């Protein structure tokens, strides 16, 4: 019995040693491989909203502190990090990234895996934030005199303001304000052109102030930074005929 017990003990010890060797071999092989970046977001790098979050995904667990220290953005932006398994996310604080700005992101080779293997080469990419929406054309043109009272008022923007797929949506923004107020209906002719049609025309000999309020945003998050305003004057009444005509003679008197 003692021999059998000794034999069983030797077998168990051998299995443990072999298993330990295999584990050490696999761990060593895994450790020898440098970590790799297998994904990042967002993929599109143009016209990003200021509140955009940046994320980098690795092929294995990482040493979080080393990765965060190796992560830099220029121009510098304050923010915080969070982790979800092998994905690190950078969230800008405050108002987020500045508008209409190109940022350079770098993840240096100081970033290492949890088994202390460093990136073989730095990871770099750039992105540009959304800029500002602008009014590029209006009709009637600013300071127009003798505008016809049934004129359509048109505002054209520099960027698409509404999605093409939502052209018939009743909840689309109605950006135009007129003073004095005019009864009428507005619609988007396309994604960047808004038209307003007075129902019964505008008043004659009247100066109208037209406004597009700041804060209007396009489909990418570009914003109208300040109010846009212009004015025009409607046509005056004209005498088109008189009776009797000028210099008439022998006019019949009804008295």
Protein backbone atom coordinates (compact mmCIF):
# COMPACT_ATOMS: atom_id res chain seq x y z
CA UNK A 1 0.00 0.00 0.00
CA UNK A 2 2.85 2.31 0.82
CA UNK A 3 4.30 1.77 -2.64
CA UNK A 4 0.95 2.53 -4.25
CA UNK A 5 0.57 5.70 -2.19
CA UNK A 6 4.07 6.78 -3.06
CA UNK A 7 3.41 6.14 -6.74
CA UNK A 8 0.21 8.17 -6.68
CA UNK A 9 2.01 11.00 -4.94
CA UNK A 10 4.77 10.98 -7.53
CA UNK A 11 2.20 11.07 -10.35
CA UNK A 12 0.33 13.99 -8.79
CA UNK A 13 3.58 15.90 -8.30
CA UNK A 14 4.64 15.24 -11.89
CA UNK A 15 1.31 16.49 -13.23
CA UNK A 16 1.61 19.63 -11.13
CA UNK A 17 5.14 20.28 -12.35
CA UNK A 18 4.20 19.72 -15.98
CA UNK A 19 1.12 21.94 -15.63
CA UNK A 20 3.19 24.64 -14.01
CA UNK A 21 5.75 24.47 -16.78
CA UNK A 22 3.06 24.73 -19.44
CA UNK A 23 1.48 27.69 -17.68
CA UNK A 24 4.87 29.41 -17.36
CA UNK A 25 5.59 28.75 -21.03
CA UNK A 26 2.27 30.17 -22.14
CA UNK A 27 2.61 33.17 -19.86
CA UNK A 28 6.13 33.82 -21.06
CA UNK A 29 5.06 33.61 -24.70
CA UNK A 30 2.12 35.93 -24.07
CA UNK A 31 4.40 38.33 -22.24
CA UNK A 32 6.93 38.40 -25.05
CA UNK A 33 4.35 39.75 -27.48
CA UNK A 34 3.95 43.52 -27.45
CA UNK A 35 0.39 44.76 -26.86
CA UNK A 36 -1.50 46.07 -29.85
CA UNK A 37 -4.22 48.67 -30.39
CA UNK A 38 -7.10 46.87 -32.12
CA UNK A 39 -9.63 49.69 -32.32
CA UNK A 40 -10.42 53.32 -31.59
CA UNK A 41 -13.43 55.57 -31.72
CA UNK A 42 -14.75 57.67 -33.24
CA UNK A 43 -13.75 56.42 -36.67
CA UNK A 44 -14.71 59.60 -38.54
CA UNK A 45 -12.23 62.35 -37.75
CA UNK A 46 -13.93 65.45 -39.19
CA UNK A 47 -16.57 67.79 -37.75
CA UNK A 48 -16.73 66.06 -34.38
CA UNK A 49 -18.95 67.61 -31.69
CA UNK A 50 -17.05 69.35 -28.86
CA UNK A 51 -18.29 66.76 -26.34
CA UNK A 52 -16.87 63.82 -28.31
CA UNK A 53 -15.36 60.99 -26.24
CA UNK A 54 -12.19 59.26 -27.46
CA UNK A 55 -11.59 55.56 -26.85
CA UNK A 56 -8.73 53.15 -27.54
CA UNK A 57 -9.10 49.36 -27.39
CA UNK A 58 -6.19 46.97 -26.75
CA UNK A 59 -5.84 43.28 -27.48
CA UNK A 60 -5.16 42.41 -23.82
CA UNK A 61 -5.42 43.81 -20.28
CA UNK A 62 -3.20 46.84 -19.80
CA UNK A 63 -1.42 48.61 -16.98
CA UNK A 64 -3.94 51.44 -16.72
CA UNK A 65 -1.70 54.02 -15.08
CA UNK A 66 1.01 53.66 -17.72
CA UNK A 67 -1.51 53.97 -20.55
CA UNK A 68 -3.09 57.09 -19.09
CA UNK A 69 0.34 58.69 -18.60
CA UNK A 70 1.29 57.85 -22.18
CA UNK A 71 -1.91 59.42 -23.59
CA UNK A 72 -1.50 63.06 -24.70
CA UNK A 73 -3.60 65.54 -26.71
CA UNK A 74 -2.38 68.72 -28.38
CA UNK A 75 -3.66 71.38 -27.88
CA UNK A 76 -4.07 70.24 -24.29
CA UNK A 77 -7.59 69.50 -23.02
CA UNK A 78 -8.64 68.65 -19.48
CA UNK A 79 -10.52 65.40 -19.09
CA UNK A 80 -10.91 62.12 -17.25
CA UNK A 81 -10.31 58.45 -18.04
CA UNK A 82 -12.53 55.42 -17.63
CA UNK A 83 -11.98 51.74 -18.44
CA UNK A 84 -14.21 48.96 -19.70
CA UNK A 85 -12.19 45.74 -19.89
CA UNK A 86 -9.44 46.50 -22.44
CA UNK A 87 -10.92 49.80 -23.64
CA UNK A 88 -9.79 53.16 -22.29
CA UNK A 89 -12.06 56.19 -22.82
CA UNK A 90 -11.09 59.85 -22.52
CA UNK A 91 -13.95 62.24 -21.67
CA UNK A 92 -13.24 66.00 -22.00
CA UNK A 93 -14.49 68.11 -19.11
CA UNK A 94 -16.23 71.48 -19.11
CA UNK A 95 -17.32 72.63 -22.56
CA UNK A 96 -15.28 69.88 -24.21
CA UNK A 97 -12.97 70.43 -27.15
CA UNK A 98 -12.74 73.85 -28.78
CA UNK A 99 -14.67 74.33 -31.98
CA UNK A 100 -13.06 74.38 -35.42
CA UNK A 101 -9.79 73.02 -34.03
CA UNK A 102 -7.55 70.16 -35.13
CA UNK A 103 -6.24 67.98 -32.30
CA UNK A 104 -3.29 65.59 -32.37
CA UNK A 105 -3.56 62.49 -30.17
CA UNK A 106 -0.52 60.38 -29.23
CA UNK A 107 -0.21 57.19 -27.24
CA UNK A 108 3.47 56.71 -26.45
CA UNK A 109 5.47 53.52 -26.06
CA UNK A 110 5.43 54.00 -22.29
CA UNK A 111 2.01 52.34 -22.37
CA UNK A 112 2.42 48.72 -21.32
CA UNK A 113 0.41 45.59 -20.72
CA UNK A 114 -0.33 44.16 -17.27
CA UNK A 115 2.69 41.87 -17.86
CA UNK A 116 4.91 44.92 -18.46
CA UNK A 117 5.30 44.66 -22.23
CA UNK A 118 5.43 48.09 -23.88
CA UNK A 119 3.90 49.17 -27.16
CA UNK A 120 6.40 48.64 -29.95
CA UNK A 121 5.69 52.04 -31.53
CA UNK A 122 3.57 55.07 -30.65
CA UNK A 123 -0.01 55.38 -31.88
CA UNK A 124 -0.97 58.76 -33.36
CA UNK A 125 -4.09 60.17 -34.99
CA UNK A 126 -5.79 63.52 -35.42
CA UNK A 127 -9.35 64.84 -35.55
CA UNK A 128 -11.06 68.15 -36.21
CA UNK A 129 -14.02 69.50 -34.26
CA UNK A 130 -17.11 71.03 -35.81
CA UNK A 131 -16.84 74.73 -36.51
CA UNK A 132 -19.50 77.40 -36.86
CA UNK A 133 -22.65 77.61 -38.88
CA UNK A 134 -23.05 80.75 -40.99
CA UNK A 135 -25.74 82.48 -43.02
CA UNK A 136 -24.24 82.86 -46.51
CA UNK A 137 -27.14 84.36 -48.48
CA UNK A 138 -30.56 85.93 -47.91
CA UNK A 139 -33.40 87.15 -50.11
CA UNK A 140 -34.53 89.90 -50.24
CA UNK A 141 -30.95 91.14 -50.03
CA UNK A 142 -30.05 93.38 -47.08
CA UNK A 143 -31.25 96.99 -47.39
CA UNK A 144 -33.39 96.26 -50.44
CA UNK A 145 -35.93 98.99 -51.23
CA UNK A 146 -39.28 98.46 -52.93
CA UNK A 147 -39.51 94.77 -52.09
CA UNK A 148 -42.73 93.30 -53.47
CA UNK A 149 -45.23 92.57 -50.75
CA UNK A 150 -45.64 88.91 -51.72
CA UNK A 151 -41.90 88.19 -51.85
CA UNK A 152 -40.62 84.84 -50.56
CA UNK A 153 -37.96 85.25 -47.87
CA UNK A 154 -35.00 82.89 -48.27
CA UNK A 155 -32.16 82.06 -45.88
CA UNK A 156 -29.23 79.92 -47.05
CA UNK A 157 -26.79 78.39 -44.55
CA UNK A 158 -23.18 77.29 -45.03
CA UNK A 159 -23.87 73.74 -43.80
CA UNK A 160 -26.76 71.26 -43.78
CA UNK A 161 -29.02 72.16 -40.87
CA UNK A 162 -31.61 69.41 -41.23
CA UNK A 163 -31.16 65.77 -42.27
CA UNK A 164 -32.16 64.89 -45.81
CA UNK A 165 -34.28 62.03 -44.46
CA UNK A 166 -36.34 64.39 -42.27
CA UNK A 167 -37.38 67.02 -44.81
CA UNK A 168 -41.09 66.47 -44.13
CA UNK A 169 -40.77 66.41 -40.35
CA UNK A 170 -43.03 69.00 -38.73
CA UNK A 171 -40.63 69.41 -35.80
CA UNK A 172 -37.78 70.83 -37.88
CA UNK A 173 -36.36 74.17 -36.69
CA UNK A 174 -38.05 77.34 -37.94
CA UNK A 175 -35.11 79.75 -37.75
CA UNK A 176 -36.58 82.97 -39.17
CA UNK A 177 -38.23 85.76 -37.17
CA UNK A 178 -39.74 88.89 -38.75
CA UNK A 179 -40.55 92.21 -37.12
CA UNK A 180 -43.26 93.37 -37.63
CA UNK A 181 -44.67 89.86 -37.49
CA UNK A 182 -46.00 88.37 -40.74
CA UNK A 183 -48.48 85.52 -41.04
CA UNK A 184 -47.06 82.82 -43.25
CA UNK A 185 -45.50 79.38 -43.45
CA UNK A 186 -41.88 78.27 -43.59
CA UNK A 187 -40.26 75.11 -44.87
CA UNK A 188 -36.85 73.70 -45.75
CA UNK A 189 -36.30 73.69 -49.49
CA UNK A 190 -33.30 71.38 -48.95
CA UNK A 191 -30.97 70.61 -46.06
CA UNK A 192 -29.47 74.12 -45.94
CA UNK A 193 -32.06 76.50 -47.51
CA UNK A 194 -35.07 77.74 -45.57
CA UNK A 195 -37.94 79.62 -47.27
CA UNK A 196 -40.79 81.61 -45.76
CA UNK A 197 -43.90 82.51 -47.75
CA UNK A 198 -46.29 85.23 -46.42
CA UNK A 199 -49.90 84.10 -46.57
CA UNK A 200 -51.46 87.45 -47.43
CA UNK A 201 -48.40 89.47 -48.27
CA UNK A 202 -46.54 92.04 -46.23
CA UNK A 203 -47.62 95.58 -45.46
CA UNK A 204 -46.66 98.30 -47.97
CA UNK A 205 -44.07 100.98 -47.21
CA UNK A 206 -42.82 99.04 -44.21
CA UNK A 207 -39.32 98.32 -42.99
CA UNK A 208 -38.97 94.71 -41.90
CA UNK A 209 -36.24 93.39 -39.64
CA UNK A 210 -35.39 89.73 -40.18
CA UNK A 211 -33.51 87.63 -37.61
CA UNK A 212 -31.90 84.21 -37.31
CA UNK A 213 -31.12 83.61 -33.66
CA UNK A 214 -27.75 82.35 -32.43
CA UNK A 215 -27.60 78.79 -31.20
CA UNK A 216 -28.98 77.09 -34.31
CA UNK A 217 -26.98 73.91 -34.95
CA UNK A 218 -26.26 71.94 -38.09
CA UNK A 219 -26.35 68.16 -38.38
CA UNK A 220 -22.73 67.81 -37.20
CA UNK A 221 -23.02 70.12 -34.20
CA UNK A 222 -21.63 73.30 -35.79
CA UNK A 223 -23.37 76.25 -34.17
CA UNK A 224 -24.49 79.70 -35.28
CA UNK A 225 -22.32 81.74 -32.91
CA UNK A 226 -24.24 85.05 -33.04
CA UNK A 227 -27.51 86.46 -34.28
CA UNK A 228 -27.78 87.21 -37.97
CA UNK A 229 -30.06 90.11 -38.93
CA UNK A 230 -30.88 92.21 -41.94
CA UNK A 231 -33.63 94.55 -43.10
CA UNK A 232 -35.59 95.43 -46.23
CA UNK A 233 -38.40 97.83 -47.13
CA UNK A 234 -41.57 96.90 -48.97
CA UNK A 235 -42.84 98.80 -51.97
CA UNK A 236 -44.89 101.97 -51.62
CA UNK A 237 -48.39 102.32 -53.11
CA UNK A 238 -48.36 103.76 -56.64
CA UNK A 239 -51.01 105.80 -58.43
CA UNK A 240 -51.69 103.77 -61.57
CA UNK A 241 -54.47 105.89 -63.09
CA UNK A 242 -56.57 109.02 -62.55
CA UNK A 243 -59.93 110.11 -63.79
CA UNK A 244 -60.23 112.49 -65.51
CA UNK A 245 -56.84 112.14 -67.12
CA UNK A 246 -54.26 114.89 -66.84
CA UNK A 247 -54.97 117.99 -69.00
CA UNK A 248 -58.38 116.68 -70.06
CA UNK A 249 -60.80 119.27 -71.57
CA UNK A 250 -64.55 119.32 -71.92
CA UNK A 251 -64.94 117.12 -68.89
CA UNK A 252 -68.58 116.27 -68.28
CA UNK A 253 -69.83 117.70 -65.04
CA UNK A 254 -72.31 115.68 -63.09
CA UNK A 255 -73.44 118.68 -61.10
